[in-house]
């Protein structure tokens, strides 16, 4: 297990952004689904619901932009 202290959702967001930047939209879609699962998990970690929604909205926006650029 990594000791960098970042939440899983942060790591997924970072990987999603990289996949979008590199035009790997199939990978980006899988990561977006993983982010949704992580953020909707029962208990949801220490993140509040508003912050979770903001992360999802940011990821969806980035994803749509990458799809339009493709």
C-alpha atoms as a PDB file:
ATOM      1  CA  UNK A   1       0.000   0.000   0.000  1.00  0.00           C
ATOM      2  CA  UNK A   2       1.243   3.458  -0.893  1.00  0.00           C
ATOM      3  CA  UNK A   3       2.071   5.808   1.919  1.00  0.00           C
ATOM      4  CA  UNK A   4       1.573   9.071   0.027  1.00  0.00           C
ATOM      5  CA  UNK A   5      -1.602   9.935   1.944  1.00  0.00           C
ATOM      6  CA  UNK A   6      -3.687  10.758  -1.106  1.00  0.00           C
ATOM      7  CA  UNK A   7      -7.226   9.409  -1.313  1.00  0.00           C
ATOM      8  CA  UNK A   8      -8.033   6.801  -3.926  1.00  0.00           C
ATOM      9  CA  UNK A   9     -10.415   9.268  -5.588  1.00  0.00           C
ATOM     10  CA  UNK A  10      -7.522  11.745  -5.995  1.00  0.00           C
ATOM     11  CA  UNK A  11      -5.401   9.083  -7.680  1.00  0.00           C
ATOM     12  CA  UNK A  12      -8.255   8.061  -9.984  1.00  0.00           C
ATOM     13  CA  UNK A  13      -8.859  11.716 -10.913  1.00  0.00           C
ATOM     14  CA  UNK A  14      -5.183  12.141 -11.740  1.00  0.00           C
ATOM     15  CA  UNK A  15      -5.137   9.002 -13.896  1.00  0.00           C
ATOM     16  CA  UNK A  16      -8.384  10.095 -15.603  1.00  0.00           C
ATOM     17  CA  UNK A  17      -6.911  13.503 -16.423  1.00  0.00           C
ATOM     18  CA  UNK A  18      -3.817  11.860 -17.885  1.00  0.00           C
ATOM     19  CA  UNK A  19      -5.907   9.442 -19.972  1.00  0.00           C
ATOM     20  CA  UNK A  20      -7.964  12.365 -21.334  1.00  0.00           C
ATOM     21  CA  UNK A  21      -4.813  14.342 -22.135  1.00  0.00           C
ATOM     22  CA  UNK A  22      -3.333  11.369 -23.962  1.00  0.00           C
ATOM     23  CA  UNK A  23      -6.565  10.731 -25.873  1.00  0.00           C
ATOM     24  CA  UNK A  24      -7.092   7.313 -24.293  1.00  0.00           C
ATOM     25  CA  UNK A  25     -10.833   7.751 -23.989  1.00  0.00           C
ATOM     26  CA  UNK A  26     -11.654   4.094 -23.361  1.00  0.00           C
ATOM     27  CA  UNK A  27      -9.295   4.093 -20.381  1.00  0.00           C
ATOM     28  CA  UNK A  28     -10.701   7.454 -19.260  1.00  0.00           C
ATOM     29  CA  UNK A  29     -14.245   6.025 -19.335  1.00  0.00           C
ATOM     30  CA  UNK A  30     -13.220   3.061 -17.185  1.00  0.00           C
ATOM     31  CA  UNK A  31     -11.560   5.408 -14.708  1.00  0.00           C
ATOM     32  CA  UNK A  32     -14.645   7.622 -14.642  1.00  0.00           C
ATOM     33  CA  UNK A  33     -16.764   4.582 -13.733  1.00  0.00           C
ATOM     34  CA  UNK A  34     -14.211   3.652 -11.042  1.00  0.00           C
ATOM     35  CA  UNK A  35     -14.425   7.182  -9.639  1.00  0.00           C
ATOM     36  CA  UNK A  36     -18.221   6.964  -9.485  1.00  0.00           C
ATOM     37  CA  UNK A  37     -18.003   3.648  -7.633  1.00  0.00           C
ATOM     38  CA  UNK A  38     -15.409   4.964  -5.196  1.00  0.00           C
ATOM     39  CA  UNK A  39     -17.321   8.172  -4.452  1.00  0.00           C
ATOM     40  CA  UNK A  40     -20.657   6.390  -4.057  1.00  0.00           C
ATOM     41  CA  UNK A  41     -19.310   3.629  -1.796  1.00  0.00           C
ATOM     42  CA  UNK A  42     -21.155   3.217   1.474  1.00  0.00           C
ATOM     43  CA  UNK A  43     -19.384   5.341   4.035  1.00  0.00           C
ATOM     44  CA  UNK A  44     -17.683   7.288   1.279  1.00  0.00           C
ATOM     45  CA  UNK A  45     -14.522   7.896   3.264  1.00  0.00           C
ATOM     46  CA  UNK A  46     -13.929  11.337   4.753  1.00  0.00           C
ATOM     47  CA  UNK A  47     -15.160  13.338   1.786  1.00  0.00           C
ATOM     48  CA  UNK A  48     -18.449  15.224   2.084  1.00  0.00           C
ATOM     49  CA  UNK A  49     -21.161  14.767  -0.532  1.00  0.00           C
ATOM     50  CA  UNK A  50     -20.692  18.230  -2.063  1.00  0.00           C
ATOM     51  CA  UNK A  51     -16.968  17.656  -2.584  1.00  0.00           C
ATOM     52  CA  UNK A  52     -17.721  14.269  -4.154  1.00  0.00           C
ATOM     53  CA  UNK A  53     -20.158  15.855  -6.591  1.00  0.00           C
ATOM     54  CA  UNK A  54     -17.660  18.568  -7.499  1.00  0.00           C
ATOM     55  CA  UNK A  55     -15.020  15.914  -8.283  1.00  0.00           C
ATOM     56  CA  UNK A  56     -17.458  13.977 -10.458  1.00  0.00           C
ATOM     57  CA  UNK A  57     -18.595  17.112 -12.295  1.00  0.00           C
ATOM     58  CA  UNK A  58     -14.972  18.086 -12.944  1.00  0.00           C
ATOM     59  CA  UNK A  59     -14.159  14.613 -14.270  1.00  0.00           C
ATOM     60  CA  UNK A  60     -17.257  14.491 -16.495  1.00  0.00           C
ATOM     61  CA  UNK A  61     -16.461  17.943 -17.900  1.00  0.00           C
ATOM     62  CA  UNK A  62     -12.865  16.942 -18.640  1.00  0.00           C
ATOM     63  CA  UNK A  63     -14.112  13.735 -20.251  1.00  0.00           C
ATOM     64  CA  UNK A  64     -16.629  15.525 -22.489  1.00  0.00           C
ATOM     65  CA  UNK A  65     -13.984  18.021 -23.552  1.00  0.00           C
ATOM     66  CA  UNK A  66     -11.575  15.216 -24.440  1.00  0.00           C
ATOM     67  CA  UNK A  67     -14.287  13.460 -26.462  1.00  0.00           C
ATOM     68  CA  UNK A  68     -15.014  16.649 -28.420  1.00  0.00           C
ATOM     69  CA  UNK A  69     -11.318  17.136 -29.151  1.00  0.00           C
ATOM     70  CA  UNK A  70     -11.028  13.580 -30.477  1.00  0.00           C
END
